[in-house]
Amino acid sequence: MNEYRKCENCNAKNFDLTLTECSSCGASILHIMPNDNDDISIVVNLEQNEQFDITCSECGKQYEDNLLTCPSCGAAAKKVPLKPELIIESIKDSYKISIPSGKSIGRLAIGSEYFNKNDFISRKHATFKRSSNEWKICPHSRNPNYLNDTILLKNEIKYPVHKGDLLKIADMEFRIII
């Protein structure tokens, strides 16, 4: 376990024991004895069916543990609720499709009732996945897909999507609602 000096002013953990001032607020920490007690790292009780990203407020590192402090730098962590589904809306007729993270859209996947009419849509056309603080799309179809007029390469990259983006799947256009 790493030793640190906990600032009395802002409660930041200072792992560099040579520091005389808090790295967060500048208060004097020279008089504080080094500590290796990790009593501040309390496990957060998450509500059932609710998912969160845990992100360090200082270094920005994201991790899956539900600790209130970052295991890398000791700074306070933020618990950010995840949106459980991405929503896309058809430009043509405002039809909305909710897509859970890790699921595919297509004629034999999420949205099949809508995509079934279109021969240019694959059975599993593209997968959407929520990771960290963003949604990404990974296209699987031979037919072209575009995100804001940029062509998406099949199975090459997971492309980030954002609220308001225009997604063209085969010959159908959608707006990302998130």
C-alpha atoms as a PDB file:
ATOM      1  CA  MET A   1       0.000   0.000   0.000  1.00  0.00           C
ATOM      2  CA  ASN A   2       1.348   3.458  -0.899  1.00  0.00           C
ATOM      3  CA  GLU A   3       1.932   6.030   1.812  1.00  0.00           C
ATOM      4  CA  TYR A   4       0.548   9.514   1.385  1.00  0.00           C
ATOM      5  CA  ARG A   5      -0.132  12.744   3.232  1.00  0.00           C
ATOM      6  CA  LYS A   6      -3.808  13.662   3.349  1.00  0.00           C
ATOM      7  CA  CYS A   7      -4.354  17.407   3.100  1.00  0.00           C
ATOM      8  CA  GLU A   8      -6.454  18.752   5.973  1.00  0.00           C
ATOM      9  CA  ASN A   9      -7.707  21.563   3.767  1.00  0.00           C
ATOM     10  CA  CYS A  10      -8.999  19.710   0.678  1.00  0.00           C
ATOM     11  CA  ASN A  11      -8.636  16.005   1.654  1.00  0.00           C
ATOM     12  CA  ALA A  12      -6.396  15.264  -1.353  1.00  0.00           C
ATOM     13  CA  LYS A  13      -3.945  12.422  -0.993  1.00  0.00           C
ATOM     14  CA  ASN A  14      -0.380  13.522  -1.733  1.00  0.00           C
ATOM     15  CA  PHE A  15       1.694  10.471  -2.623  1.00  0.00           C
ATOM     16  CA  ASP A  16       4.929  12.413  -3.181  1.00  0.00           C
ATOM     17  CA  LEU A  17       6.198  12.513   0.414  1.00  0.00           C
ATOM     18  CA  THR A  18       8.849  15.091  -0.495  1.00  0.00           C
ATOM     19  CA  LEU A  19       6.170  17.730  -1.086  1.00  0.00           C
ATOM     20  CA  THR A  20       5.709  20.362   1.612  1.00  0.00           C
ATOM     21  CA  GLU A  21       2.524  21.761   0.050  1.00  0.00           C
ATOM     22  CA  CYS A  22      -0.612  19.998  -1.168  1.00  0.00           C
ATOM     23  CA  SER A  23      -0.492  19.380  -4.907  1.00  0.00           C
ATOM     24  CA  SER A  24      -4.199  20.247  -5.164  1.00  0.00           C
ATOM     25  CA  CYS A  25      -4.713  23.360  -3.037  1.00  0.00           C
ATOM     26  CA  GLY A  26      -1.211  24.487  -1.958  1.00  0.00           C
ATOM     27  CA  ALA A  27      -1.838  24.171   1.784  1.00  0.00           C
ATOM     28  CA  SER A  28       1.089  23.141   3.986  1.00  0.00           C
ATOM     29  CA  ILE A  29       1.236  19.371   4.561  1.00  0.00           C
ATOM     30  CA  LEU A  30       4.715  19.154   6.085  1.00  0.00           C
ATOM     31  CA  HIS A  31       3.299  18.656   9.593  1.00  0.00           C
ATOM     32  CA  ILE A  32       1.051  15.752   8.492  1.00  0.00           C
ATOM     33  CA  MET A  33       2.362  12.251   9.165  1.00  0.00           C
ATOM     34  CA  PRO A  34       2.412   9.880   6.170  1.00  0.00           C
ATOM     35  CA  ASN A  35      -0.515   7.484   6.160  1.00  0.00           C
ATOM     36  CA  ASP A  36      -1.212   4.230   4.330  1.00  0.00           C
ATOM     37  CA  ASN A  37      -4.726   3.765   5.696  1.00  0.00           C
ATOM     38  CA  ASP A  38      -7.089   3.688   2.763  1.00  0.00           C
ATOM     39  CA  ASP A  39     -10.193   4.397   4.837  1.00  0.00           C
ATOM     40  CA  ILE A  40     -11.471   6.987   2.351  1.00  0.00           C
ATOM     41  CA  SER A  41     -11.794   4.433  -0.443  1.00  0.00           C
ATOM     42  CA  ILE A  42     -15.339   3.486   0.378  1.00  0.00           C
ATOM     43  CA  VAL A  43     -17.245   1.204  -1.950  1.00  0.00           C
ATOM     44  CA  VAL A  44     -20.242   2.964  -3.453  1.00  0.00           C
ATOM     45  CA  ASN A  45     -23.518   1.095  -3.175  1.00  0.00           C
ATOM     46  CA  LEU A  46     -24.966   1.158  -6.667  1.00  0.00           C
ATOM     47  CA  GLU A  47     -28.678   0.937  -7.243  1.00  0.00           C
ATOM     48  CA  GLN A  48     -29.762  -2.203  -9.029  1.00  0.00           C
ATOM     49  CA  ASN A  49     -29.839  -1.982 -12.831  1.00  0.00           C
ATOM     50  CA  GLU A  50     -27.970   1.314 -12.750  1.00  0.00           C
ATOM     51  CA  GLN A  51     -24.581   1.505 -14.451  1.00  0.00           C
ATOM     52  CA  PHE A  52     -21.880   4.079 -13.818  1.00  0.00           C
ATOM     53  CA  ASP A  53     -18.509   5.120 -15.119  1.00  0.00           C
ATOM     54  CA  ILE A  54     -16.020   5.961 -12.396  1.00  0.00           C
ATOM     55  CA  THR A  55     -13.635   8.722 -13.497  1.00  0.00           C
ATOM     56  CA  CYS A  56     -10.824  10.359 -11.535  1.00  0.00           C
ATOM     57  CA  SER A  57     -11.382  14.100 -11.139  1.00  0.00           C
ATOM     58  CA  GLU A  58      -7.621  14.779 -11.344  1.00  0.00           C
ATOM     59  CA  CYS A  59      -5.951  12.405 -13.804  1.00  0.00           C
ATOM     60  CA  GLY A  60      -9.085  11.499 -15.806  1.00  0.00           C
ATOM     61  CA  LYS A  61      -8.372   7.763 -15.579  1.00  0.00           C
ATOM     62  CA  GLN A  62     -11.485   5.625 -15.844  1.00  0.00           C
ATOM     63  CA  TYR A  63     -11.870   2.379 -13.978  1.00  0.00           C
ATOM     64  CA  GLU A  64     -14.526  -0.176 -13.176  1.00  0.00           C
ATOM     65  CA  ASP A  65     -14.040  -0.409  -9.426  1.00  0.00           C
ATOM     66  CA  ASN A  66     -16.662   1.536  -7.509  1.00  0.00           C
ATOM     67  CA  LEU A  67     -14.171   3.410  -5.317  1.00  0.00           C
ATOM     68  CA  LEU A  68     -14.558   7.040  -4.384  1.00  0.00           C
ATOM     69  CA  THR A  69     -10.832   7.651  -4.824  1.00  0.00           C
ATOM     70  CA  CYS A  70      -8.587   6.944  -7.803  1.00  0.00           C
ATOM     71  CA  PRO A  71      -6.255   3.984  -7.220  1.00  0.00           C
ATOM     72  CA  SER A  72      -3.588   5.692  -9.373  1.00  0.00           C
ATOM     73  CA  CYS A  73      -3.349   9.158  -7.869  1.00  0.00           C
ATOM     74  CA  GLY A  74      -5.686   9.114  -4.856  1.00  0.00           C
ATOM     75  CA  ALA A  75      -7.842  12.018  -6.015  1.00  0.00           C
ATOM     76  CA  ALA A  76     -11.606  12.023  -5.644  1.00  0.00           C
ATOM     77  CA  ALA A  77     -13.515  10.099  -8.291  1.00  0.00           C
ATOM     78  CA  LYS A  78     -16.725  11.065 -10.026  1.00  0.00           C
ATOM     79  CA  LYS A  79     -19.554   8.575 -10.406  1.00  0.00           C
ATOM     80  CA  VAL A  80     -21.222   9.309 -13.736  1.00  0.00           C
ATOM     81  CA  PRO A  81     -24.474   7.482 -14.591  1.00  0.00           C
ATOM     82  CA  LEU A  82     -24.404   5.760 -17.961  1.00  0.00           C
ATOM     83  CA  LYS A  83     -27.253   6.112 -20.353  1.00  0.00           C
ATOM     84  CA  PRO A  84     -28.374   2.499 -20.785  1.00  0.00           C
ATOM     85  CA  GLU A  85     -29.322   2.860 -24.442  1.00  0.00           C
ATOM     86  CA  LEU A  86     -28.394   4.867 -27.482  1.00  0.00           C
ATOM     87  CA  ILE A  87     -31.337   6.208 -29.461  1.00  0.00           C
ATOM     88  CA  ILE A  88     -31.274   6.852 -33.185  1.00  0.00           C
ATOM     89  CA  GLU A  89     -34.109   8.641 -34.965  1.00  0.00           C
ATOM     90  CA  SER A  90     -34.964   8.312 -38.646  1.00  0.00           C
ATOM     91  CA  ILE A  91     -34.719  11.577 -40.566  1.00  0.00           C
ATOM     92  CA  LYS A  92     -37.423  10.375 -42.966  1.00  0.00           C
ATOM     93  CA  ASP A  93     -40.219   9.489 -40.558  1.00  0.00           C
ATOM     94  CA  SER A  94     -38.908  10.185 -37.002  1.00  0.00           C
ATOM     95  CA  TYR A  95     -38.984   6.462 -36.116  1.00  0.00           C
ATOM     96  CA  LYS A  96     -36.845   5.905 -32.995  1.00  0.00           C
ATOM     97  CA  ILE A  97     -34.753   2.826 -32.244  1.00  0.00           C
ATOM     98  CA  SER A  98     -33.269   2.218 -28.765  1.00  0.00           C
ATOM     99  CA  ILE A  99     -30.027   0.257 -28.871  1.00  0.00           C
ATOM    100  CA  PRO A 100     -28.549  -1.307 -25.700  1.00  0.00           C
ATOM    101  CA  SER A 101     -24.763  -1.262 -25.403  1.00  0.00           C
ATOM    102  CA  GLY A 102     -23.074  -4.173 -27.157  1.00  0.00           C
ATOM    103  CA  LYS A 103     -26.059  -4.910 -29.382  1.00  0.00           C
ATOM    104  CA  SER A 104     -26.284  -4.852 -33.158  1.00  0.00           C
ATOM    105  CA  ILE A 105     -28.853  -3.258 -35.406  1.00  0.00           C
ATOM    106  CA  GLY A 106     -30.055  -4.903 -38.595  1.00  0.00           C
ATOM    107  CA  ARG A 107     -32.662  -7.079 -40.277  1.00  0.00           C
ATOM    108  CA  LEU A 108     -32.147  -9.865 -37.692  1.00  0.00           C
ATOM    109  CA  ALA A 109     -31.114  -7.668 -34.752  1.00  0.00           C
ATOM    110  CA  ILE A 110     -32.339  -4.582 -32.883  1.00  0.00           C
ATOM    111  CA  GLY A 111     -34.696  -2.595 -35.109  1.00  0.00           C
ATOM    112  CA  SER A 112     -35.514  -5.585 -37.318  1.00  0.00           C
ATOM    113  CA  GLU A 113     -39.155  -4.445 -37.591  1.00  0.00           C
ATOM    114  CA  TYR A 114     -37.899  -1.230 -39.210  1.00  0.00           C
ATOM    115  CA  PHE A 115     -34.893  -2.505 -41.174  1.00  0.00           C
ATOM    116  CA  ASN A 116     -36.617  -5.635 -42.516  1.00  0.00           C
ATOM    117  CA  LYS A 117     -37.980  -3.689 -45.487  1.00  0.00           C
ATOM    118  CA  ASN A 118     -34.536  -2.635 -46.709  1.00  0.00           C
ATOM    119  CA  ASP A 119     -32.369  -5.084 -48.688  1.00  0.00           C
ATOM    120  CA  PHE A 120     -29.315  -2.843 -48.225  1.00  0.00           C
ATOM    121  CA  ILE A 121     -29.340  -3.397 -44.472  1.00  0.00           C
ATOM    122  CA  SER A 122     -27.412  -6.471 -43.299  1.00  0.00           C
ATOM    123  CA  ARG A 123     -28.750  -8.986 -40.812  1.00  0.00           C
ATOM    124  CA  LYS A 124     -26.309  -7.547 -38.256  1.00  0.00           C
ATOM    125  CA  HIS A 125     -25.386  -4.259 -39.869  1.00  0.00           C
ATOM    126  CA  ALA A 126     -23.493  -2.477 -37.056  1.00  0.00           C
ATOM    127  CA  THR A 127     -22.830  -2.794 -33.332  1.00  0.00           C
ATOM    128  CA  PHE A 128     -23.053   0.048 -30.822  1.00  0.00           C
ATOM    129  CA  LYS A 129     -21.073  -0.084 -27.599  1.00  0.00           C
ATOM    130  CA  ARG A 130     -20.835   2.239 -24.631  1.00  0.00           C
ATOM    131  CA  SER A 131     -17.321   2.475 -23.231  1.00  0.00           C
ATOM    132  CA  SER A 132     -16.058   5.010 -20.762  1.00  0.00           C
ATOM    133  CA  ASN A 133     -17.943   8.198 -21.470  1.00  0.00           C
ATOM    134  CA  GLU A 134     -18.805   7.663 -25.119  1.00  0.00           C
ATOM    135  CA  TRP A 135     -20.772   5.525 -27.525  1.00  0.00           C
ATOM    136  CA  LYS A 136     -19.038   3.905 -30.480  1.00  0.00           C
ATOM    137  CA  ILE A 137     -20.248   2.225 -33.656  1.00  0.00           C
ATOM    138  CA  CYS A 138     -18.524  -0.676 -35.388  1.00  0.00           C
ATOM    139  CA  PRO A 139     -19.989  -1.333 -38.863  1.00  0.00           C
ATOM    140  CA  HIS A 140     -20.168  -4.916 -40.153  1.00  0.00           C
ATOM    141  CA  SER A 141     -21.845  -4.445 -43.529  1.00  0.00           C
ATOM    142  CA  ARG A 142     -20.366  -4.394 -47.030  1.00  0.00           C
ATOM    143  CA  ASN A 143     -22.800  -1.609 -47.823  1.00  0.00           C
ATOM    144  CA  PRO A 144     -21.488   1.872 -47.043  1.00  0.00           C
ATOM    145  CA  ASN A 145     -22.174   3.635 -43.758  1.00  0.00           C
ATOM    146  CA  TYR A 146     -21.442   7.288 -43.073  1.00  0.00           C
ATOM    147  CA  LEU A 147     -21.089   9.348 -39.929  1.00  0.00           C
ATOM    148  CA  ASN A 148     -21.403  13.071 -40.676  1.00  0.00           C
ATOM    149  CA  ASP A 149     -20.383  12.430 -44.319  1.00  0.00           C
ATOM    150  CA  THR A 150     -17.308  10.368 -43.302  1.00  0.00           C
ATOM    151  CA  ILE A 151     -17.333   6.800 -44.605  1.00  0.00           C
ATOM    152  CA  LEU A 152     -17.046   4.131 -41.913  1.00  0.00           C
ATOM    153  CA  LEU A 153     -14.805   1.180 -42.723  1.00  0.00           C
ATOM    154  CA  LYS A 154     -16.211  -2.291 -42.089  1.00  0.00           C
ATOM    155  CA  ASN A 155     -14.846  -3.950 -38.914  1.00  0.00           C
ATOM    156  CA  GLU A 156     -11.851  -1.614 -38.942  1.00  0.00           C
ATOM    157  CA  ILE A 157     -12.443   0.905 -36.192  1.00  0.00           C
ATOM    158  CA  LYS A 158     -14.982   1.664 -33.530  1.00  0.00           C
ATOM    159  CA  TYR A 159     -16.070   5.191 -34.385  1.00  0.00           C
ATOM    160  CA  PRO A 160     -17.277   7.545 -31.614  1.00  0.00           C
ATOM    161  CA  VAL A 161     -20.805   8.899 -32.056  1.00  0.00           C
ATOM    162  CA  HIS A 162     -22.216  11.969 -30.350  1.00  0.00           C
ATOM    163  CA  LYS A 163     -25.582  13.576 -29.828  1.00  0.00           C
ATOM    164  CA  GLY A 164     -26.693  15.282 -33.019  1.00  0.00           C
ATOM    165  CA  ASP A 165     -24.454  13.264 -35.345  1.00  0.00           C
ATOM    166  CA  LEU A 166     -25.944  12.241 -38.677  1.00  0.00           C
ATOM    167  CA  LEU A 167     -25.635   8.507 -39.334  1.00  0.00           C
ATOM    168  CA  LYS A 168     -26.310   7.088 -42.781  1.00  0.00           C
ATOM    169  CA  ILE A 169     -26.847   3.336 -42.753  1.00  0.00           C
ATOM    170  CA  ALA A 170     -27.008   1.996 -46.296  1.00  0.00           C
ATOM    171  CA  ASP A 171     -29.576   4.389 -47.804  1.00  0.00           C
ATOM    172  CA  MET A 172     -31.301   5.358 -44.530  1.00  0.00           C
ATOM    173  CA  GLU A 173     -30.453   8.464 -42.483  1.00  0.00           C
ATOM    174  CA  PHE A 174     -30.653   8.770 -38.701  1.00  0.00           C
ATOM    175  CA  ARG A 175     -29.883  11.418 -36.124  1.00  0.00           C
ATOM    176  CA  ILE A 176     -28.079  10.298 -32.930  1.00  0.00           C
ATOM    177  CA  ILE A 177     -30.284  11.234 -29.973  1.00  0.00           C
ATOM    178  CA  ILE A 178     -28.430   9.499 -27.106  1.00  0.00           C
END
